C-alpha atoms as a PDB file:
ATOM      1  CA  MET A   1    -127.233 -45.066 212.604  1.00  0.00           C
ATOM      2  CA  ILE A   2    -130.520 -45.701 214.076  1.00  0.00           C
ATOM      3  CA  ALA A   3    -131.040 -46.428 217.394  1.00  0.00           C
ATOM      4  CA  ALA A   4    -133.047 -49.058 216.390  1.00  0.00           C
ATOM      5  CA  ARG A   5    -134.923 -51.315 219.181  1.00  0.00           C
ATOM      6  CA  ARG A   6    -133.018 -54.573 219.816  1.00  0.00           C
ATOM      7  CA  ARG A   7    -135.853 -57.421 220.455  1.00  0.00           C
ATOM      8  CA  ARG A   8    -134.410 -60.283 222.365  1.00  0.00           C
ATOM      9  CA  ARG A   9    -136.338 -63.043 222.278  1.00  0.00           C
ATOM     10  CA  LEU A  10    -135.645 -66.480 224.349  1.00  0.00           C
ATOM     11  CA  SER A  11    -137.013 -69.456 223.943  1.00  0.00           C
ATOM     12  CA  GLY A  12    -138.834 -70.921 226.743  1.00  0.00           C
ATOM     13  CA  ALA A  13    -135.956 -73.556 226.836  1.00  0.00           C
ATOM     14  CA  LEU A  14    -133.266 -71.286 227.156  1.00  0.00           C
ATOM     15  CA  LEU A  15    -134.874 -69.278 230.178  1.00  0.00           C
ATOM     16  CA  ALA A  16    -135.159 -73.112 231.861  1.00  0.00           C
ATOM     17  CA  VAL A  17    -131.434 -73.486 231.489  1.00  0.00           C
ATOM     18  CA  ALA A  18    -130.672 -70.004 232.476  1.00  0.00           C
ATOM     19  CA  LEU A  19    -132.975 -70.469 235.333  1.00  0.00           C
ATOM     20  CA  LEU A  20    -131.048 -73.580 236.280  1.00  0.00           C
ATOM     21  CA  VAL A  21    -127.409 -72.240 236.003  1.00  0.00           C
ATOM     22  CA  LEU A  22    -128.779 -69.141 238.160  1.00  0.00           C
ATOM     23  CA  THR A  23    -130.026 -71.102 240.521  1.00  0.00           C
ATOM     24  CA  ALA A  24    -127.056 -73.082 240.749  1.00  0.00           C
ATOM     25  CA  CYS A  25    -124.525 -70.024 240.747  1.00  0.00           C
ATOM     26  CA  SER A  26    -126.565 -68.956 243.992  1.00  0.00           C
ATOM     27  CA  GLY A  27    -126.196 -72.034 246.182  1.00  0.00           C
ATOM     28  CA  THR A  28    -122.720 -72.051 245.272  1.00  0.00           C
ATOM     29  CA  THR A  29    -121.507 -68.477 245.232  1.00  0.00           C
ATOM     30  CA  THR A  30    -120.304 -66.817 248.498  1.00  0.00           C
ATOM     31  CA  THR A  31    -120.799 -62.822 249.399  1.00  0.00           C
ATOM     32  CA  ASP A  32    -117.798 -60.875 248.632  1.00  0.00           C
ATOM     33  CA  GLU A  33    -117.570 -59.165 252.090  1.00  0.00           C
ATOM     34  CA  SER A  34    -115.395 -56.076 251.055  1.00  0.00           C
ATOM     35  CA  GLY A  35    -117.592 -55.358 248.012  1.00  0.00           C
ATOM     36  CA  PRO A  36    -119.228 -51.926 247.503  1.00  0.00           C
ATOM     37  CA  PRO A  37    -120.615 -50.213 250.677  1.00  0.00           C
ATOM     38  CA  ALA A  38    -124.474 -49.717 250.201  1.00  0.00           C
ATOM     39  CA  VAL A  39    -126.027 -46.655 249.486  1.00  0.00           C
ATOM     40  CA  GLN A  40    -126.808 -44.289 252.364  1.00  0.00           C
ATOM     41  CA  PRO A  41    -130.215 -43.134 251.882  1.00  0.00           C
ATOM     42  CA  GLU A  42    -132.385 -40.286 252.385  1.00  0.00           C
ATOM     43  CA  ALA A  43    -134.277 -39.924 255.484  1.00  0.00           C
ATOM     44  CA  GLY A  44    -137.439 -42.406 255.188  1.00  0.00           C
ATOM     45  CA  ALA A  45    -136.792 -42.956 251.221  1.00  0.00           C
ATOM     46  CA  LEU A  46    -136.842 -46.517 251.960  1.00  0.00           C
ATOM     47  CA  PRO A  47    -138.477 -49.037 251.647  1.00  0.00           C
ATOM     48  CA  VAL A  48    -140.341 -47.646 248.257  1.00  0.00           C
ATOM     49  CA  THR A  49    -142.603 -49.234 245.916  1.00  0.00           C
ATOM     50  CA  ILE A  50    -142.110 -48.401 241.997  1.00  0.00           C
ATOM     51  CA  ASP A  51    -144.921 -48.866 239.624  1.00  0.00           C
ATOM     52  CA  HIS A  52    -143.709 -50.001 235.806  1.00  0.00           C
ATOM     53  CA  ARG A  53    -145.144 -52.226 233.380  1.00  0.00           C
ATOM     54  CA  TYR A  54    -145.053 -55.372 234.140  1.00  0.00           C
ATOM     55  CA  GLY A  55    -146.700 -54.564 238.307  1.00  0.00           C
ATOM     56  CA  SER A  56    -144.394 -53.204 240.732  1.00  0.00           C
ATOM     57  CA  THR A  57    -141.016 -53.690 242.966  1.00  0.00           C
ATOM     58  CA  THR A  58    -140.545 -52.655 246.400  1.00  0.00           C
ATOM     59  CA  ILE A  59    -136.740 -51.539 247.408  1.00  0.00           C
ATOM     60  CA  THR A  60    -136.591 -52.611 251.341  1.00  0.00           C
ATOM     61  CA  ASP A  61    -132.849 -52.042 252.002  1.00  0.00           C
ATOM     62  CA  PRO A  62    -130.345 -49.807 250.455  1.00  0.00           C
ATOM     63  CA  PRO A  63    -128.587 -51.291 247.481  1.00  0.00           C
ATOM     64  CA  SER A  64    -124.676 -51.719 247.327  1.00  0.00           C
ATOM     65  CA  LYS A  65    -124.626 -53.540 243.922  1.00  0.00           C
ATOM     66  CA  VAL A  66    -126.425 -51.897 241.108  1.00  0.00           C
ATOM     67  CA  VAL A  67    -126.854 -53.469 237.562  1.00  0.00           C
ATOM     68  CA  SER A  68    -128.016 -51.469 234.706  1.00  0.00           C
ATOM     69  CA  VAL A  69    -129.672 -53.295 232.241  1.00  0.00           C
ATOM     70  CA  GLY A  70    -131.515 -50.218 230.694  1.00  0.00           C
ATOM     71  CA  TYR A  71    -129.046 -48.201 228.472  1.00  0.00           C
ATOM     72  CA  THR A  72    -128.919 -44.649 229.806  1.00  0.00           C
ATOM     73  CA  ASP A  73    -129.771 -45.900 233.308  1.00  0.00           C
ATOM     74  CA  HIS A  74    -125.916 -45.928 234.869  1.00  0.00           C
ATOM     75  CA  ASP A  75    -125.910 -42.222 233.916  1.00  0.00           C
ATOM     76  CA  ALA A  76    -128.898 -41.004 236.241  1.00  0.00           C
ATOM     77  CA  LEU A  77    -126.824 -43.796 238.983  1.00  0.00           C
ATOM     78  CA  LEU A  78    -123.439 -42.324 238.306  1.00  0.00           C
ATOM     79  CA  ALA A  79    -125.129 -38.946 238.737  1.00  0.00           C
ATOM     80  CA  LEU A  80    -126.579 -39.621 242.375  1.00  0.00           C
ATOM     81  CA  GLY A  81    -123.197 -40.968 243.330  1.00  0.00           C
ATOM     82  CA  VAL A  82    -123.581 -44.580 242.605  1.00  0.00           C
ATOM     83  CA  THR A  83    -121.478 -46.903 240.887  1.00  0.00           C
ATOM     84  CA  PRO A  84    -123.069 -49.281 239.032  1.00  0.00           C
ATOM     85  CA  THR A  85    -121.698 -52.879 239.454  1.00  0.00           C
ATOM     86  CA  ALA A  86    -122.721 -53.392 235.753  1.00  0.00           C
ATOM     87  CA  THR A  87    -123.676 -51.073 232.595  1.00  0.00           C
ATOM     88  CA  THR A  88    -125.234 -51.840 229.426  1.00  0.00           C
ATOM     89  CA  ARG A  89    -122.956 -50.997 226.308  1.00  0.00           C
ATOM     90  CA  TRP A  90    -124.982 -48.870 223.509  1.00  0.00           C
ATOM     91  CA  PHE A  91    -123.245 -45.869 221.857  1.00  0.00           C
ATOM     92  CA  GLY A  92    -119.482 -45.670 221.597  1.00  0.00           C
ATOM     93  CA  ASP A  93    -116.634 -48.052 223.323  1.00  0.00           C
ATOM     94  CA  TYR A  94    -116.080 -46.879 226.456  1.00  0.00           C
ATOM     95  CA  PRO A  95    -114.611 -48.237 229.449  1.00  0.00           C
ATOM     96  CA  GLY A  96    -117.325 -49.467 231.495  1.00  0.00           C
ATOM     97  CA  ALA A  97    -119.697 -47.882 229.271  1.00  0.00           C
ATOM     98  CA  VAL A  98    -119.269 -44.321 230.725  1.00  0.00           C
ATOM     99  CA  GLY A  99    -118.998 -41.523 228.220  1.00  0.00           C
ATOM    100  CA  PRO A 100    -116.935 -38.385 228.578  1.00  0.00           C
ATOM    101  CA  TRP A 101    -119.822 -36.554 229.851  1.00  0.00           C
ATOM    102  CA  ALA A 102    -119.982 -39.049 232.840  1.00  0.00           C
ATOM    103  CA  ARG A 103    -116.202 -39.441 233.706  1.00  0.00           C
ATOM    104  CA  GLN A 104    -115.890 -36.870 236.114  1.00  0.00           C
ATOM    105  CA  ALA A 105    -119.232 -38.839 237.808  1.00  0.00           C
ATOM    106  CA  LEU A 106    -117.257 -42.121 238.085  1.00  0.00           C
ATOM    107  CA  GLY A 107    -114.005 -40.319 239.598  1.00  0.00           C
ATOM    108  CA  ASP A 108    -111.698 -42.907 240.712  1.00  0.00           C
ATOM    109  CA  ASP A 109    -114.376 -45.632 241.318  1.00  0.00           C
ATOM    110  CA  PRO A 110    -113.781 -48.956 239.650  1.00  0.00           C
ATOM    111  CA  VAL A 111    -114.833 -49.340 236.464  1.00  0.00           C
ATOM    112  CA  PRO A 112    -118.208 -51.046 236.189  1.00  0.00           C
ATOM    113  CA  THR A 113    -118.589 -54.252 234.151  1.00  0.00           C
ATOM    114  CA  VAL A 114    -119.792 -54.047 230.758  1.00  0.00           C
ATOM    115  CA  LEU A 115    -122.959 -56.219 229.393  1.00  0.00           C
ATOM    116  CA  ASP A 116    -123.288 -56.698 225.782  1.00  0.00           C
ATOM    117  CA  ASP A 117    -126.899 -57.624 224.901  1.00  0.00           C
ATOM    118  CA  THR A 118    -126.606 -58.226 221.193  1.00  0.00           C
ATOM    119  CA  ASN A 119    -127.618 -61.642 221.601  1.00  0.00           C
ATOM    120  CA  GLY A 120    -130.012 -61.386 224.618  1.00  0.00           C
ATOM    121  CA  ILE A 121    -129.443 -60.396 228.021  1.00  0.00           C
ATOM    122  CA  GLN A 122    -126.598 -61.983 229.788  1.00  0.00           C
ATOM    123  CA  PHE A 123    -128.791 -63.578 232.859  1.00  0.00           C
ATOM    124  CA  GLU A 124    -125.699 -65.635 233.904  1.00  0.00           C
ATOM    125  CA  LYS A 125    -122.973 -62.662 234.019  1.00  0.00           C
ATOM    126  CA  ILE A 126    -125.629 -60.533 235.851  1.00  0.00           C
ATOM    127  CA  ALA A 127    -126.533 -63.755 238.282  1.00  0.00           C
ATOM    128  CA  ALA A 128    -123.000 -63.944 238.889  1.00  0.00           C
ATOM    129  CA  LEU A 129    -122.475 -60.184 240.149  1.00  0.00           C
ATOM    130  CA  GLU A 130    -124.676 -60.829 242.747  1.00  0.00           C
ATOM    131  CA  PRO A 131    -126.585 -57.262 242.197  1.00  0.00           C
ATOM    132  CA  ASP A 132    -129.179 -56.602 244.684  1.00  0.00           C
ATOM    133  CA  LEU A 133    -131.065 -54.160 242.498  1.00  0.00           C
ATOM    134  CA  ILE A 134    -131.348 -54.456 238.742  1.00  0.00           C
ATOM    135  CA  VAL A 135    -132.508 -51.429 236.481  1.00  0.00           C
ATOM    136  CA  GLY A 136    -133.877 -51.358 233.364  1.00  0.00           C
ATOM    137  CA  LEU A 137    -136.126 -48.179 232.804  1.00  0.00           C
ATOM    138  CA  TYR A 138    -134.563 -47.053 229.563  1.00  0.00           C
ATOM    139  CA  SER A 139    -135.014 -50.517 227.123  1.00  0.00           C
ATOM    140  CA  ASP A 140    -137.265 -52.600 225.530  1.00  0.00           C
ATOM    141  CA  LEU A 141    -137.168 -54.904 228.453  1.00  0.00           C
ATOM    142  CA  THR A 142    -139.827 -58.025 227.698  1.00  0.00           C
ATOM    143  CA  ARG A 143    -142.413 -59.359 230.094  1.00  0.00           C
ATOM    144  CA  GLU A 144    -140.327 -63.011 229.920  1.00  0.00           C
ATOM    145  CA  GLU A 145    -136.544 -60.879 229.923  1.00  0.00           C
ATOM    146  CA  TYR A 146    -138.348 -59.359 233.652  1.00  0.00           C
ATOM    147  CA  ASP A 147    -139.230 -62.434 235.209  1.00  0.00           C
ATOM    148  CA  THR A 148    -135.888 -63.738 234.639  1.00  0.00           C
ATOM    149  CA  LEU A 149    -134.384 -60.796 236.160  1.00  0.00           C
ATOM    150  CA  SER A 150    -136.421 -60.778 238.977  1.00  0.00           C
ATOM    151  CA  GLU A 151    -135.678 -64.299 239.901  1.00  0.00           C
ATOM    152  CA  ILE A 152    -131.937 -62.576 240.350  1.00  0.00           C
ATOM    153  CA  ALA A 153    -132.824 -59.170 242.069  1.00  0.00           C
ATOM    154  CA  PRO A 154    -135.265 -56.848 242.109  1.00  0.00           C
ATOM    155  CA  THR A 155    -135.698 -55.096 238.904  1.00  0.00           C
ATOM    156  CA  ILE A 156    -137.617 -52.271 237.562  1.00  0.00           C
ATOM    157  CA  ALA A 157    -138.976 -52.486 234.196  1.00  0.00           C
ATOM    158  CA  PRO A 158    -139.891 -49.110 232.136  1.00  0.00           C
ATOM    159  CA  PRO A 159    -142.716 -47.461 232.890  1.00  0.00           C
ATOM    160  CA  PRO A 160    -146.629 -48.211 232.649  1.00  0.00           C
ATOM    161  CA  ASP A 161    -147.882 -46.222 229.197  1.00  0.00           C
ATOM    162  CA  GLN A 162    -144.354 -45.457 227.978  1.00  0.00           C
ATOM    163  CA  PRO A 163    -143.109 -46.981 224.946  1.00  0.00           C
ATOM    164  CA  ASP A 164    -139.632 -48.942 224.501  1.00  0.00           C
ATOM    165  CA  PHE A 165    -136.720 -46.646 224.438  1.00  0.00           C
ATOM    166  CA  GLY A 166    -139.276 -44.036 225.579  1.00  0.00           C
ATOM    167  CA  THR A 167    -138.328 -43.384 229.172  1.00  0.00           C
ATOM    168  CA  PRO A 168    -137.814 -39.316 228.997  1.00  0.00           C
ATOM    169  CA  TRP A 169    -134.439 -38.961 231.104  1.00  0.00           C
ATOM    170  CA  ARG A 170    -135.951 -36.965 233.546  1.00  0.00           C
ATOM    171  CA  ASP A 171    -138.367 -39.658 234.715  1.00  0.00           C
ATOM    172  CA  VAL A 172    -135.224 -42.077 234.559  1.00  0.00           C
ATOM    173  CA  THR A 173    -133.152 -39.843 237.235  1.00  0.00           C
ATOM    174  CA  THR A 174    -136.105 -39.498 239.555  1.00  0.00           C
ATOM    175  CA  THR A 175    -137.358 -43.131 239.085  1.00  0.00           C
ATOM    176  CA  VAL A 176    -133.605 -44.151 240.005  1.00  0.00           C
ATOM    177  CA  GLY A 177    -133.460 -41.550 242.589  1.00  0.00           C
ATOM    178  CA  ARG A 178    -136.268 -43.360 244.279  1.00  0.00           C
ATOM    179  CA  ALA A 179    -135.116 -46.734 243.758  1.00  0.00           C
ATOM    180  CA  VAL A 180    -131.548 -46.139 245.623  1.00  0.00           C
ATOM    181  CA  GLY A 181    -133.084 -44.094 248.584  1.00  0.00           C
ATOM    182  CA  LYS A 182    -132.196 -40.505 246.887  1.00  0.00           C
ATOM    183  CA  PRO A 183    -135.627 -39.087 245.882  1.00  0.00           C
ATOM    184  CA  ALA A 184    -134.610 -35.566 246.672  1.00  0.00           C
ATOM    185  CA  GLU A 185    -131.395 -35.400 245.242  1.00  0.00           C
ATOM    186  CA  ALA A 186    -132.314 -37.011 241.961  1.00  0.00           C
ATOM    187  CA  ARG A 187    -135.423 -33.627 242.145  1.00  0.00           C
ATOM    188  CA  ARG A 188    -132.015 -31.640 242.660  1.00  0.00           C
ATOM    189  CA  LEU A 189    -130.874 -32.836 239.381  1.00  0.00           C
ATOM    190  CA  VAL A 190    -133.422 -32.588 237.016  1.00  0.00           C
ATOM    191  CA  GLU A 191    -134.081 -29.076 238.412  1.00  0.00           C
ATOM    192  CA  GLY A 192    -130.488 -27.857 237.761  1.00  0.00           C
ATOM    193  CA  VAL A 193    -130.522 -29.300 234.120  1.00  0.00           C
ATOM    194  CA  ASP A 194    -134.224 -27.518 233.806  1.00  0.00           C
ATOM    195  CA  GLN A 195    -132.951 -24.045 235.064  1.00  0.00           C
ATOM    196  CA  ARG A 196    -130.171 -24.657 231.950  1.00  0.00           C
ATOM    197  CA  LEU A 197    -132.580 -25.323 229.445  1.00  0.00           C
ATOM    198  CA  ALA A 198    -134.508 -22.207 230.759  1.00  0.00           C
ATOM    199  CA  GLU A 199    -131.797 -19.900 230.277  1.00  0.00           C
ATOM    200  CA  ILE A 200    -131.499 -20.955 227.042  1.00  0.00           C
ATOM    201  CA  ARG A 201    -134.908 -20.395 225.800  1.00  0.00           C
ATOM    202  CA  ALA A 202    -134.529 -17.095 227.503  1.00  0.00           C
ATOM    203  CA  ASP A 203    -131.676 -15.960 225.477  1.00  0.00           C
ATOM    204  CA  HIS A 204    -132.863 -17.472 221.917  1.00  0.00           C
ATOM    205  CA  PRO A 205    -136.273 -16.126 222.144  1.00  0.00           C
ATOM    206  CA  GLU A 206    -136.167 -16.980 218.175  1.00  0.00           C
ATOM    207  CA  PHE A 207    -136.136 -20.446 219.030  1.00  0.00           C
ATOM    208  CA  ALA A 208    -139.715 -20.204 219.852  1.00  0.00           C
ATOM    209  CA  ASN A 209    -140.809 -19.771 216.050  1.00  0.00           C
ATOM    210  CA  ALA A 210    -138.516 -21.960 214.253  1.00  0.00           C
ATOM    211  CA  THR A 211    -139.734 -25.681 213.361  1.00  0.00           C
ATOM    212  CA  ALA A 212    -137.792 -28.280 214.102  1.00  0.00           C
ATOM    213  CA  VAL A 213    -137.399 -32.365 213.314  1.00  0.00           C
ATOM    214  CA  VAL A 214    -134.455 -35.190 213.954  1.00  0.00           C
ATOM    215  CA  ALA A 215    -133.406 -37.154 211.000  1.00  0.00           C
ATOM    216  CA  THR A 216    -131.334 -39.659 209.491  1.00  0.00           C
ATOM    217  CA  LEU A 217    -130.712 -41.597 206.166  1.00  0.00           C
ATOM    218  CA  SER A 218    -132.333 -44.703 206.449  1.00  0.00           C
ATOM    219  CA  GLU A 219    -134.309 -46.604 203.969  1.00  0.00           C
ATOM    220  CA  GLY A 220    -135.113 -42.979 202.459  1.00  0.00           C
ATOM    221  CA  TYR A 221    -135.813 -39.935 204.809  1.00  0.00           C
ATOM    222  CA  PHE A 222    -135.911 -41.576 208.703  1.00  0.00           C
ATOM    223  CA  LEU A 223    -137.668 -39.465 210.971  1.00  0.00           C
ATOM    224  CA  PHE A 224    -138.096 -39.779 214.957  1.00  0.00           C
ATOM    225  CA  GLY A 225    -140.843 -39.017 216.773  1.00  0.00           C
ATOM    226  CA  ASP A 226    -141.993 -36.342 218.988  1.00  0.00           C
ATOM    227  CA  ASP A 227    -141.577 -39.126 222.040  1.00  0.00           C
ATOM    228  CA  ASP A 228    -138.042 -39.775 221.304  1.00  0.00           C
ATOM    229  CA  PRO A 229    -135.500 -38.210 223.990  1.00  0.00           C
ATOM    230  CA  ARG A 230    -133.804 -36.627 220.871  1.00  0.00           C
ATOM    231  CA  SER A 231    -136.930 -35.049 219.505  1.00  0.00           C
ATOM    232  CA  GLN A 232    -137.781 -34.017 223.121  1.00  0.00           C
ATOM    233  CA  LEU A 233    -134.457 -32.330 224.009  1.00  0.00           C
ATOM    234  CA  LEU A 234    -134.805 -30.158 220.795  1.00  0.00           C
ATOM    235  CA  ALA A 235    -138.346 -29.170 222.127  1.00  0.00           C
ATOM    236  CA  ASP A 236    -136.559 -28.459 225.430  1.00  0.00           C
ATOM    237  CA  VAL A 237    -133.953 -25.914 223.794  1.00  0.00           C
ATOM    238  CA  GLY A 238    -137.382 -24.261 222.924  1.00  0.00           C
ATOM    239  CA  LEU A 239    -137.895 -25.286 219.114  1.00  0.00           C
ATOM    240  CA  ARG A 240    -141.475 -26.307 217.757  1.00  0.00           C
ATOM    241  CA  LEU A 241    -141.556 -30.106 216.544  1.00  0.00           C
ATOM    242  CA  LEU A 242    -143.615 -30.751 213.242  1.00  0.00           C
ATOM    243  CA  PRO A 243    -146.818 -31.310 213.964  1.00  0.00           C
ATOM    244  CA  GLU A 244    -146.938 -33.401 211.280  1.00  0.00           C
ATOM    245  CA  LEU A 245    -145.134 -35.995 213.388  1.00  0.00           C
ATOM    246  CA  ASP A 246    -147.948 -37.719 214.967  1.00  0.00           C
ATOM    247  CA  THR A 247    -149.163 -38.525 211.536  1.00  0.00           C
ATOM    248  CA  LEU A 248    -145.860 -39.676 210.133  1.00  0.00           C
ATOM    249  CA  VAL A 249    -144.770 -41.972 213.200  1.00  0.00           C
ATOM    250  CA  GLY A 250    -147.457 -42.618 215.127  1.00  0.00           C
ATOM    251  CA  ASP A 251    -146.879 -43.895 218.413  1.00  0.00           C
ATOM    252  CA  ARG A 252    -143.123 -45.622 217.520  1.00  0.00           C
ATOM    253  CA  PHE A 253    -140.206 -43.968 218.153  1.00  0.00           C
ATOM    254  CA  GLY A 254    -139.485 -42.943 214.499  1.00  0.00           C
ATOM    255  CA  ALA A 255    -140.576 -43.988 210.938  1.00  0.00           C
ATOM    256  CA  SER A 256    -139.124 -43.974 207.594  1.00  0.00           C
ATOM    257  CA  ILE A 257    -140.614 -41.304 204.894  1.00  0.00           C
ATOM    258  CA  GLY A 258    -141.150 -41.773 200.922  1.00  0.00           C
ATOM    259  CA  THR A 259    -140.213 -39.221 198.751  1.00  0.00           C
ATOM    260  CA  GLU A 260    -143.878 -37.862 198.644  1.00  0.00           C
ATOM    261  CA  ASN A 261    -143.112 -36.676 201.839  1.00  0.00           C
ATOM    262  CA  ALA A 262    -139.941 -34.951 201.507  1.00  0.00           C
ATOM    263  CA  ASP A 263    -141.258 -31.356 201.853  1.00  0.00           C
ATOM    264  CA  VAL A 264    -141.755 -32.288 205.623  1.00  0.00           C
ATOM    265  CA  LEU A 265    -138.029 -31.757 206.035  1.00  0.00           C
ATOM    266  CA  ASP A 266    -138.481 -28.369 204.873  1.00  0.00           C
ATOM    267  CA  THR A 267    -138.123 -26.649 208.273  1.00  0.00           C
ATOM    268  CA  ASP A 268    -136.428 -24.103 209.832  1.00  0.00           C
ATOM    269  CA  VAL A 269    -133.768 -26.717 211.512  1.00  0.00           C
ATOM    270  CA  VAL A 270    -133.038 -30.401 210.746  1.00  0.00           C
ATOM    271  CA  VAL A 271    -130.455 -32.115 212.897  1.00  0.00           C
ATOM    272  CA  TRP A 272    -129.180 -34.766 210.951  1.00  0.00           C
ATOM    273  CA  LEU A 273    -127.541 -38.005 212.194  1.00  0.00           C
ATOM    274  CA  THR A 274    -125.012 -38.574 209.882  1.00  0.00           C
ATOM    275  CA  ASP A 275    -121.821 -41.218 208.970  1.00  0.00           C
ATOM    276  CA  ASP A 276    -120.562 -38.639 206.546  1.00  0.00           C
ATOM    277  CA  GLY A 277    -120.985 -35.185 207.580  1.00  0.00           C
ATOM    278  CA  GLY A 278    -123.876 -34.630 204.989  1.00  0.00           C
ATOM    279  CA  ALA A 279    -121.906 -35.681 202.178  1.00  0.00           C
ATOM    280  CA  GLU A 280    -124.802 -37.948 200.930  1.00  0.00           C
ATOM    281  CA  LEU A 281    -127.525 -35.253 201.451  1.00  0.00           C
ATOM    282  CA  ARG A 282    -125.521 -32.844 199.469  1.00  0.00           C
ATOM    283  CA  ARG A 283    -125.740 -35.290 196.522  1.00  0.00           C
ATOM    284  CA  ASP A 284    -129.651 -36.012 196.895  1.00  0.00           C
ATOM    285  CA  PRO A 285    -131.012 -34.015 194.050  1.00  0.00           C
ATOM    286  CA  LEU A 286    -134.376 -33.612 195.904  1.00  0.00           C
ATOM    287  CA  TYR A 287    -133.073 -32.710 198.859  1.00  0.00           C
ATOM    288  CA  SER A 288    -130.955 -30.255 197.828  1.00  0.00           C
ATOM    289  CA  THR A 289    -134.197 -28.562 196.466  1.00  0.00           C
ATOM    290  CA  LEU A 290    -135.355 -27.708 199.607  1.00  0.00           C
ATOM    291  CA  ARG A 291    -135.013 -24.354 201.481  1.00  0.00           C
ATOM    292  CA  THR A 292    -133.588 -26.203 204.339  1.00  0.00           C
ATOM    293  CA  ALA A 293    -130.627 -27.564 201.940  1.00  0.00           C
ATOM    294  CA  LYS A 294    -130.437 -24.141 200.053  1.00  0.00           C
ATOM    295  CA  GLU A 295    -130.297 -22.006 203.272  1.00  0.00           C
ATOM    296  CA  LYS A 296    -127.859 -24.631 205.187  1.00  0.00           C
ATOM    297  CA  ARG A 297    -130.483 -25.044 208.318  1.00  0.00           C
ATOM    298  CA  GLU A 298    -128.817 -28.394 208.975  1.00  0.00           C
ATOM    299  CA  VAL A 299    -127.361 -29.240 212.302  1.00  0.00           C
ATOM    300  CA  PHE A 300    -125.013 -32.192 211.117  1.00  0.00           C
ATOM    301  CA  VAL A 301    -124.151 -34.742 214.296  1.00  0.00           C
ATOM    302  CA  ASN A 302    -121.523 -37.277 213.665  1.00  0.00           C
ATOM    303  CA  ASN A 303    -122.856 -40.733 214.981  1.00  0.00           C
ATOM    304  CA  ASN A 304    -119.076 -41.806 215.413  1.00  0.00           C
ATOM    305  CA  ASP A 305    -118.250 -39.089 217.971  1.00  0.00           C
ATOM    306  CA  ASP A 306    -118.745 -37.918 221.403  1.00  0.00           C
ATOM    307  CA  PHE A 307    -121.155 -35.372 220.638  1.00  0.00           C
ATOM    308  CA  GLY A 308    -123.122 -37.801 218.628  1.00  0.00           C
ATOM    309  CA  ASN A 309    -122.999 -40.396 220.917  1.00  0.00           C
ATOM    310  CA  ALA A 310    -124.237 -37.916 223.950  1.00  0.00           C
ATOM    311  CA  PHE A 311    -126.879 -36.758 221.418  1.00  0.00           C
ATOM    312  CA  SER A 312    -128.170 -39.869 221.191  1.00  0.00           C
ATOM    313  CA  GLN A 313    -127.936 -41.248 224.829  1.00  0.00           C
ATOM    314  CA  VAL A 314    -129.978 -38.536 226.448  1.00  0.00           C
ATOM    315  CA  SER A 315    -129.136 -38.857 230.143  1.00  0.00           C
ATOM    316  CA  VAL A 316    -129.186 -36.343 232.805  1.00  0.00           C
ATOM    317  CA  LEU A 317    -125.339 -36.199 232.573  1.00  0.00           C
ATOM    318  CA  SER A 318    -125.391 -35.944 228.510  1.00  0.00           C
ATOM    319  CA  VAL A 319    -127.550 -32.901 228.243  1.00  0.00           C
ATOM    320  CA  PRO A 320    -125.258 -30.502 229.910  1.00  0.00           C
ATOM    321  CA  TYR A 321    -122.381 -32.119 227.404  1.00  0.00           C
ATOM    322  CA  VAL A 322    -125.238 -31.902 224.394  1.00  0.00           C
ATOM    323  CA  LEU A 323    -126.138 -28.366 225.068  1.00  0.00           C
ATOM    324  CA  ASP A 324    -122.590 -26.667 224.654  1.00  0.00           C
ATOM    325  CA  ARG A 325    -121.980 -28.393 221.524  1.00  0.00           C
ATOM    326  CA  LEU A 326    -125.720 -27.953 219.792  1.00  0.00           C
ATOM    327  CA  VAL A 327    -127.184 -24.921 221.101  1.00  0.00           C
ATOM    328  CA  PRO A 328    -124.518 -22.900 219.017  1.00  0.00           C
ATOM    329  CA  GLN A 329    -125.362 -24.970 215.679  1.00  0.00           C
ATOM    330  CA  VAL A 330    -128.942 -24.777 216.078  1.00  0.00           C
ATOM    331  CA  GLU A 331    -128.716 -20.909 216.336  1.00  0.00           C
ATOM    332  CA  ALA A 332    -126.707 -20.728 213.031  1.00  0.00           C
ATOM    333  CA  ALA A 333    -129.185 -22.958 211.558  1.00  0.00           C
ATOM    334  CA  VAL A 334    -132.048 -20.960 212.501  1.00  0.00           C
ATOM    335  CA  ASP A 335    -131.072 -17.662 211.117  1.00  0.00           C
ATOM    336  CA  GLY A 336    -131.225 -19.082 207.646  1.00  0.00           C
ATOM    337  CA  ASP A 337    -128.148 -17.379 206.608  1.00  0.00           C
ATOM    338  CA  PRO A 338    -125.636 -19.956 204.913  1.00  0.00           C
ATOM    339  CA  SER A 339    -122.471 -17.942 205.390  1.00  0.00           C
ATOM    340  CA  THR A 340    -123.167 -18.486 209.509  1.00  0.00           C
ATOM    341  CA  THR A 341    -121.798 -21.998 211.226  1.00  0.00           C
ATOM    342  CA  GLY A 342    -122.474 -22.781 214.702  1.00  0.00           C
END
């Protein structure tokens, strides 16, 4: 399954209705004094102004109710000790949209409300939760949606010059850290994961000489671009992403290629996102002629299990979980010996 962009276009009339409902709600809802306590910020961390693709947002006071409309932003919140009031479901059907890689961070706190944006952002549901901060860094948030959310609470959109669903996990973590008044703790979290990645690169110098790509089957062969977080994770462990990706994918998160470009898959390792363990690929007469297939230089990631969900939901909490499972399989693929398994 491709993590396709979910463009949610609401008509102006629907937005107007939503805003009227929100205004009515704000006039009749009372604040629950027994709600979650405000975040304890680091000294001098607030107020803070955060720039994003639609301008800038200033957070003055420590938030207590944070809603995540970004698909991975809630992992950063949990890592920082901030339990979100609401999360947005993406991969997997987990309570509160909290995957197993983040359950320890959730602890005994209440399971967040889950937002389902299949038919658009649930503005009324978000307004009813009375958030004091909305984060949407790893998202495809439109200007129209941002303006509507900003009527509810201060909202942070994706960074400037970043594509939809392209905000790196490091930037998600540090930006969320600034927004909740914990910038130093956020930096420490990132540094901890980076140290783990550095150790992997040191332990596997052979990765530096190996080319790699993340792919799936969709309208032929679908390649994930070098800005996609999954591709970036391969680069982080020391693998070299295909230079052809820039030409084939451009500034998109990924693109399908025709059979005439199938030889681009003849790399030292291909990480395949699959639903069938590679069965369809094994029946592909063209793919079976490639060195990658003959030498089993492949890592098959099941879209429907925890590992697959974590691999696609790249975050400060999911990356360590993924590395435990991904690195041994990459090691087995890179050696070119079909008899080895990770």
